[in-house]
């Protein structure tokens, strides 16, 4: 159930980011899916995932800068850590794989 909540969140965020990349506005349905997925992550996600999610939405809320990409990559890294119990994958690899840029941290 937790992995599905994480996947739903990542898919909803990805859909919105892809729309924005092509100049499309966010639809109400996209925002509803993102909000529902975010709520499920907050409900059942690990402490680290929820804290990283909080930082991203408090400080950025959208994927529109290198710092936002870095913050979002930290969410993904925390999700990987939570699901696998350990994760030696470097944050810069995650950020570069997701967005084509190196993480700052």
N, C-alpha and C. Protein backbone atom coordinates (compact mmCIF):
# COMPACT_ATOMS: atom_id res chain seq x y z
N UNK A 1 0.82 -1.19 0.00
CA UNK A 1 0.00 0.00 0.00
C UNK A 1 0.88 1.26 0.00
N UNK A 2 1.96 1.22 0.76
CA UNK A 2 2.84 2.39 0.83
C UNK A 2 3.51 2.64 -0.52
N UNK A 3 3.99 1.58 -1.16
CA UNK A 3 4.65 1.76 -2.45
C UNK A 3 3.68 2.31 -3.49
N UNK A 4 2.43 1.90 -3.44
CA UNK A 4 1.43 2.42 -4.37
C UNK A 4 1.15 3.90 -4.11
N UNK A 5 1.12 4.28 -2.85
CA UNK A 5 0.93 5.70 -2.51
C UNK A 5 2.09 6.53 -3.04
N UNK A 6 3.31 6.02 -2.88
CA UNK A 6 4.48 6.73 -3.39
C UNK A 6 4.43 6.84 -4.91
N UNK A 7 4.10 5.74 -5.58
CA UNK A 7 4.01 5.76 -7.05
C UNK A 7 2.92 6.72 -7.53
N UNK A 8 1.79 6.70 -6.88
CA UNK A 8 0.70 7.60 -7.27
C UNK A 8 1.13 9.06 -7.14
N UNK A 9 1.83 9.39 -6.07
CA UNK A 9 2.32 10.75 -5.88
C UNK A 9 3.31 11.13 -6.99
N UNK A 10 4.28 10.26 -7.24
CA UNK A 10 5.28 10.56 -8.26
C UNK A 10 4.65 10.67 -9.65
N UNK A 11 3.69 9.81 -9.95
CA UNK A 11 3.02 9.89 -11.25
C UNK A 11 2.21 11.17 -11.39
N UNK A 12 1.52 11.57 -10.33
CA UNK A 12 0.73 12.81 -10.37
C UNK A 12 1.65 14.02 -10.53
N UNK A 13 2.75 14.05 -9.81
CA UNK A 13 3.69 15.17 -9.92
C UNK A 13 4.32 15.20 -11.31
N UNK A 14 4.65 14.03 -11.83
CA UNK A 14 5.25 13.94 -13.16
C UNK A 14 4.29 14.43 -14.24
N UNK A 15 3.03 14.08 -14.12
CA UNK A 15 2.03 14.52 -15.09
C UNK A 15 1.91 16.04 -15.11
N UNK A 16 1.90 16.64 -13.94
CA UNK A 16 1.80 18.10 -13.86
C UNK A 16 3.07 18.75 -14.40
N UNK A 17 4.23 18.20 -14.05
CA UNK A 17 5.49 18.77 -14.53
C UNK A 17 5.59 18.66 -16.06
N UNK A 18 5.14 17.55 -16.62
CA UNK A 18 5.17 17.38 -18.07
C UNK A 18 4.24 18.38 -18.75
N UNK A 19 3.07 18.60 -18.18
CA UNK A 19 2.13 19.56 -18.74
C UNK A 19 2.74 20.95 -18.75
N UNK A 20 3.37 21.32 -17.65
CA UNK A 20 3.97 22.65 -17.53
C UNK A 20 5.11 22.83 -18.54
N UNK A 21 5.83 21.76 -18.79
CA UNK A 21 6.95 21.82 -19.73
C UNK A 21 6.47 22.17 -21.14
N UNK A 22 5.25 21.77 -21.45
CA UNK A 22 4.70 22.04 -22.78
C UNK A 22 3.72 23.22 -22.78
N UNK A 23 3.78 24.02 -21.72
CA UNK A 23 3.00 25.24 -21.67
C UNK A 23 1.53 25.04 -21.36
N UNK A 24 1.15 23.83 -20.97
CA UNK A 24 -0.24 23.56 -20.63
C UNK A 24 -0.49 23.93 -19.17
N UNK A 25 -1.69 24.39 -18.90
CA UNK A 25 -2.06 24.71 -17.52
C UNK A 25 -2.44 23.43 -16.79
N UNK A 26 -2.27 23.48 -15.48
CA UNK A 26 -2.68 22.35 -14.66
C UNK A 26 -4.19 22.24 -14.68
N UNK A 27 -4.68 21.02 -14.85
CA UNK A 27 -6.13 20.84 -14.82
C UNK A 27 -6.57 20.59 -13.38
N UNK A 28 -7.82 20.80 -13.13
CA UNK A 28 -8.38 20.53 -11.80
C UNK A 28 -8.18 19.07 -11.44
N UNK A 29 -8.36 18.19 -12.41
CA UNK A 29 -8.21 16.75 -12.16
C UNK A 29 -6.77 16.41 -11.78
N UNK A 30 -5.81 17.02 -12.45
CA UNK A 30 -4.41 16.79 -12.12
C UNK A 30 -4.11 17.22 -10.68
N UNK A 31 -4.60 18.39 -10.33
CA UNK A 31 -4.36 18.90 -8.97
C UNK A 31 -5.06 18.04 -7.93
N UNK A 32 -6.24 17.55 -8.25
CA UNK A 32 -6.94 16.66 -7.32
C UNK A 32 -6.17 15.37 -7.11
N UNK A 33 -5.66 14.78 -8.21
CA UNK A 33 -4.86 13.54 -8.09
C UNK A 33 -3.61 13.79 -7.26
N UNK A 34 -2.95 14.91 -7.50
CA UNK A 34 -1.75 15.22 -6.73
C UNK A 34 -2.08 15.40 -5.26
N UNK A 35 -3.14 16.13 -4.96
CA UNK A 35 -3.52 16.36 -3.57
C UNK A 35 -3.91 15.06 -2.86
N UNK A 36 -4.66 14.21 -3.55
CA UNK A 36 -5.05 12.93 -2.96
C UNK A 36 -3.82 12.05 -2.71
N UNK A 37 -2.92 12.01 -3.68
CA UNK A 37 -1.71 11.20 -3.52
C UNK A 37 -0.83 11.75 -2.40
N UNK A 38 -0.72 13.07 -2.33
CA UNK A 38 0.08 13.70 -1.27
C UNK A 38 -0.52 13.39 0.10
N UNK A 39 -1.82 13.43 0.21
CA UNK A 39 -2.49 13.13 1.47
C UNK A 39 -2.22 11.69 1.90
N UNK A 40 -2.27 10.75 0.95
CA UNK A 40 -1.98 9.36 1.29
C UNK A 40 -0.53 9.18 1.74
N UNK A 41 0.39 9.87 1.09
CA UNK A 41 1.80 9.80 1.49
C UNK A 41 1.96 10.34 2.90
N UNK A 42 1.31 11.44 3.21
CA UNK A 42 1.39 12.01 4.55
C UNK A 42 0.81 11.05 5.58
N UNK A 43 -0.24 10.35 5.22
CA UNK A 43 -0.90 9.42 6.13
C UNK A 43 -0.06 8.18 6.41
N UNK A 44 0.54 7.59 5.38
CA UNK A 44 1.21 6.29 5.58
C UNK A 44 2.71 6.31 5.30
N UNK A 45 3.23 7.44 4.84
CA UNK A 45 4.66 7.52 4.53
C UNK A 45 5.53 7.58 5.78
N UNK A 46 6.80 7.27 5.57
CA UNK A 46 7.75 7.33 6.69
C UNK A 46 7.95 8.78 7.12
N UNK A 47 8.51 8.95 8.29
CA UNK A 47 8.79 10.28 8.84
C UNK A 47 9.68 11.08 7.88
N UNK A 48 10.70 10.45 7.36
CA UNK A 48 11.64 11.12 6.46
C UNK A 48 10.95 11.56 5.17
N UNK A 49 10.11 10.71 4.61
CA UNK A 49 9.40 11.05 3.37
C UNK A 49 8.47 12.24 3.62
N UNK A 50 7.72 12.19 4.70
CA UNK A 50 6.77 13.27 5.00
C UNK A 50 7.52 14.58 5.26
N UNK A 51 8.64 14.51 5.96
CA UNK A 51 9.41 15.73 6.21
C UNK A 51 9.96 16.32 4.92
N UNK A 52 10.48 15.45 4.02
CA UNK A 52 11.00 15.95 2.74
C UNK A 52 9.87 16.50 1.86
N UNK A 53 8.72 15.86 1.90
CA UNK A 53 7.55 16.34 1.17
C UNK A 53 7.15 17.73 1.69
N UNK A 54 7.14 17.87 3.00
CA UNK A 54 6.79 19.15 3.62
C UNK A 54 7.75 20.25 3.17
N UNK A 55 9.04 19.97 3.18
CA UNK A 55 10.03 20.97 2.77
C UNK A 55 9.80 21.38 1.32
N UNK A 56 9.59 20.40 0.45
CA UNK A 56 9.38 20.72 -0.97
C UNK A 56 8.18 21.65 -1.16
N UNK A 57 7.05 21.28 -0.58
CA UNK A 57 5.85 22.09 -0.78
C UNK A 57 5.90 23.43 -0.05
N UNK A 58 6.59 23.48 1.07
CA UNK A 58 6.72 24.74 1.81
C UNK A 58 7.64 25.71 1.07
N UNK A 59 8.75 25.19 0.55
CA UNK A 59 9.76 26.06 -0.05
C UNK A 59 9.59 26.27 -1.55
N UNK A 60 8.99 25.31 -2.26
CA UNK A 60 8.93 25.38 -3.73
C UNK A 60 7.52 25.16 -4.28
N UNK A 61 7.00 23.98 -4.11
CA UNK A 61 5.65 23.68 -4.58
C UNK A 61 5.54 23.34 -6.05
N UNK A 62 6.50 23.77 -6.83
CA UNK A 62 6.52 23.42 -8.25
C UNK A 62 7.95 23.09 -8.66
N UNK A 63 8.05 22.36 -9.75
CA UNK A 63 9.37 21.97 -10.27
C UNK A 63 9.79 22.99 -11.31
N UNK A 64 10.37 24.09 -10.81
CA UNK A 64 10.72 25.17 -11.74
C UNK A 64 12.10 25.79 -11.48
N UNK A 65 12.92 25.09 -10.69
CA UNK A 65 14.26 25.61 -10.42
C UNK A 65 15.16 24.45 -10.00
N UNK A 66 16.46 24.69 -10.07
CA UNK A 66 17.41 23.65 -9.65
C UNK A 66 17.22 23.27 -8.19
N UNK A 67 16.93 24.25 -7.34
CA UNK A 67 16.69 23.95 -5.92
C UNK A 67 15.44 23.10 -5.73
N UNK A 68 14.41 23.38 -6.52
CA UNK A 68 13.18 22.58 -6.44
C UNK A 68 13.44 21.15 -6.90
N UNK A 69 14.24 20.98 -7.96
CA UNK A 69 14.58 19.64 -8.44
C UNK A 69 15.34 18.87 -7.36
N UNK A 70 16.25 19.56 -6.71
CA UNK A 70 17.04 18.95 -5.64
C UNK A 70 16.13 18.52 -4.49
N UNK A 71 15.23 19.38 -4.10
CA UNK A 71 14.31 19.08 -3.00
C UNK A 71 13.40 17.91 -3.36
N UNK A 72 12.88 17.88 -4.58
CA UNK A 72 12.01 16.79 -5.01
C UNK A 72 12.80 15.48 -5.07
N UNK A 73 14.05 15.54 -5.51
CA UNK A 73 14.89 14.34 -5.55
C UNK A 73 15.10 13.76 -4.16
N UNK A 74 15.15 14.63 -3.15
CA UNK A 74 15.27 14.15 -1.77
C UNK A 74 14.03 13.35 -1.35
N UNK A 75 12.86 13.75 -1.84
CA UNK A 75 11.65 12.97 -1.57
C UNK A 75 11.80 11.57 -2.16
N UNK A 76 12.24 11.51 -3.40
CA UNK A 76 12.40 10.22 -4.07
C UNK A 76 13.42 9.36 -3.35
N UNK A 77 14.52 9.96 -2.93
CA UNK A 77 15.55 9.21 -2.20
C UNK A 77 14.99 8.67 -0.88
N UNK A 78 14.22 9.48 -0.17
CA UNK A 78 13.61 9.02 1.08
C UNK A 78 12.62 7.88 0.83
N UNK A 79 11.88 7.97 -0.26
CA UNK A 79 10.95 6.89 -0.61
C UNK A 79 11.71 5.60 -0.88
N UNK A 80 12.80 5.70 -1.62
CA UNK A 80 13.63 4.52 -1.89
C UNK A 80 14.17 3.93 -0.59
N UNK A 81 14.65 4.80 0.29
CA UNK A 81 15.17 4.33 1.58
C UNK A 81 14.09 3.63 2.38
N UNK A 82 12.90 4.20 2.39
CA UNK A 82 11.79 3.64 3.15
C UNK A 82 11.38 2.27 2.61
N UNK A 83 11.30 2.14 1.31
CA UNK A 83 10.83 0.89 0.71
C UNK A 83 11.87 -0.22 0.74
N UNK A 84 13.15 0.14 0.63
CA UNK A 84 14.18 -0.89 0.57
C UNK A 84 14.88 -1.13 1.91
N UNK A 85 14.73 -0.20 2.83
CA UNK A 85 15.41 -0.33 4.11
C UNK A 85 16.82 0.22 4.08
N UNK A 86 17.37 0.36 2.92
CA UNK A 86 18.69 0.97 2.74
C UNK A 86 18.79 1.42 1.29
N UNK A 87 19.58 2.42 1.06
CA UNK A 87 19.71 2.93 -0.30
C UNK A 87 21.04 3.64 -0.42
N UNK A 88 21.93 3.04 -1.17
CA UNK A 88 23.25 3.63 -1.35
C UNK A 88 23.30 4.54 -2.58
N UNK A 89 22.18 4.69 -3.27
CA UNK A 89 22.14 5.52 -4.46
C UNK A 89 22.33 6.98 -4.10
N UNK A 90 23.28 7.62 -4.73
CA UNK A 90 23.61 9.01 -4.46
C UNK A 90 22.49 9.93 -4.95
N UNK A 91 22.24 11.00 -4.20
CA UNK A 91 21.19 11.96 -4.56
C UNK A 91 21.43 12.57 -5.93
N UNK A 92 22.69 12.81 -6.29
CA UNK A 92 22.97 13.41 -7.60
C UNK A 92 22.56 12.49 -8.73
N UNK A 93 22.66 11.17 -8.53
CA UNK A 93 22.23 10.21 -9.56
C UNK A 93 20.72 10.29 -9.74
N UNK A 94 19.99 10.37 -8.64
CA UNK A 94 18.53 10.48 -8.71
C UNK A 94 18.12 11.76 -9.42
N UNK A 95 18.70 12.86 -9.02
CA UNK A 95 18.36 14.16 -9.60
C UNK A 95 18.69 14.20 -11.09
N UNK A 96 19.84 13.68 -11.44
CA UNK A 96 20.24 13.67 -12.84
C UNK A 96 19.35 12.75 -13.68
N UNK A 97 18.96 11.61 -13.11
CA UNK A 97 18.08 10.69 -13.82
C UNK A 97 16.69 11.29 -14.02
N UNK A 98 16.20 11.99 -13.02
CA UNK A 98 14.86 12.59 -13.11
C UNK A 98 14.82 13.84 -13.97
N UNK A 99 15.81 14.71 -13.81
CA UNK A 99 15.72 16.05 -14.40
C UNK A 99 16.88 16.43 -15.32
N UNK A 100 17.89 15.57 -15.41
CA UNK A 100 19.03 15.88 -16.26
C UNK A 100 20.00 16.88 -15.68
N UNK A 101 19.90 17.12 -14.36
CA UNK A 101 20.83 18.03 -13.68
C UNK A 101 21.40 17.36 -12.44
N UNK A 102 22.56 17.80 -12.01
CA UNK A 102 23.16 17.27 -10.79
C UNK A 102 22.58 17.96 -9.57
N UNK A 103 22.37 17.19 -8.51
CA UNK A 103 21.90 17.76 -7.26
C UNK A 103 22.98 18.62 -6.64
N UNK A 104 22.58 19.65 -5.91
CA UNK A 104 23.54 20.52 -5.23
C UNK A 104 24.12 19.86 -3.99
N UNK A 105 23.28 19.07 -3.31
CA UNK A 105 23.72 18.46 -2.06
C UNK A 105 24.32 17.10 -2.30
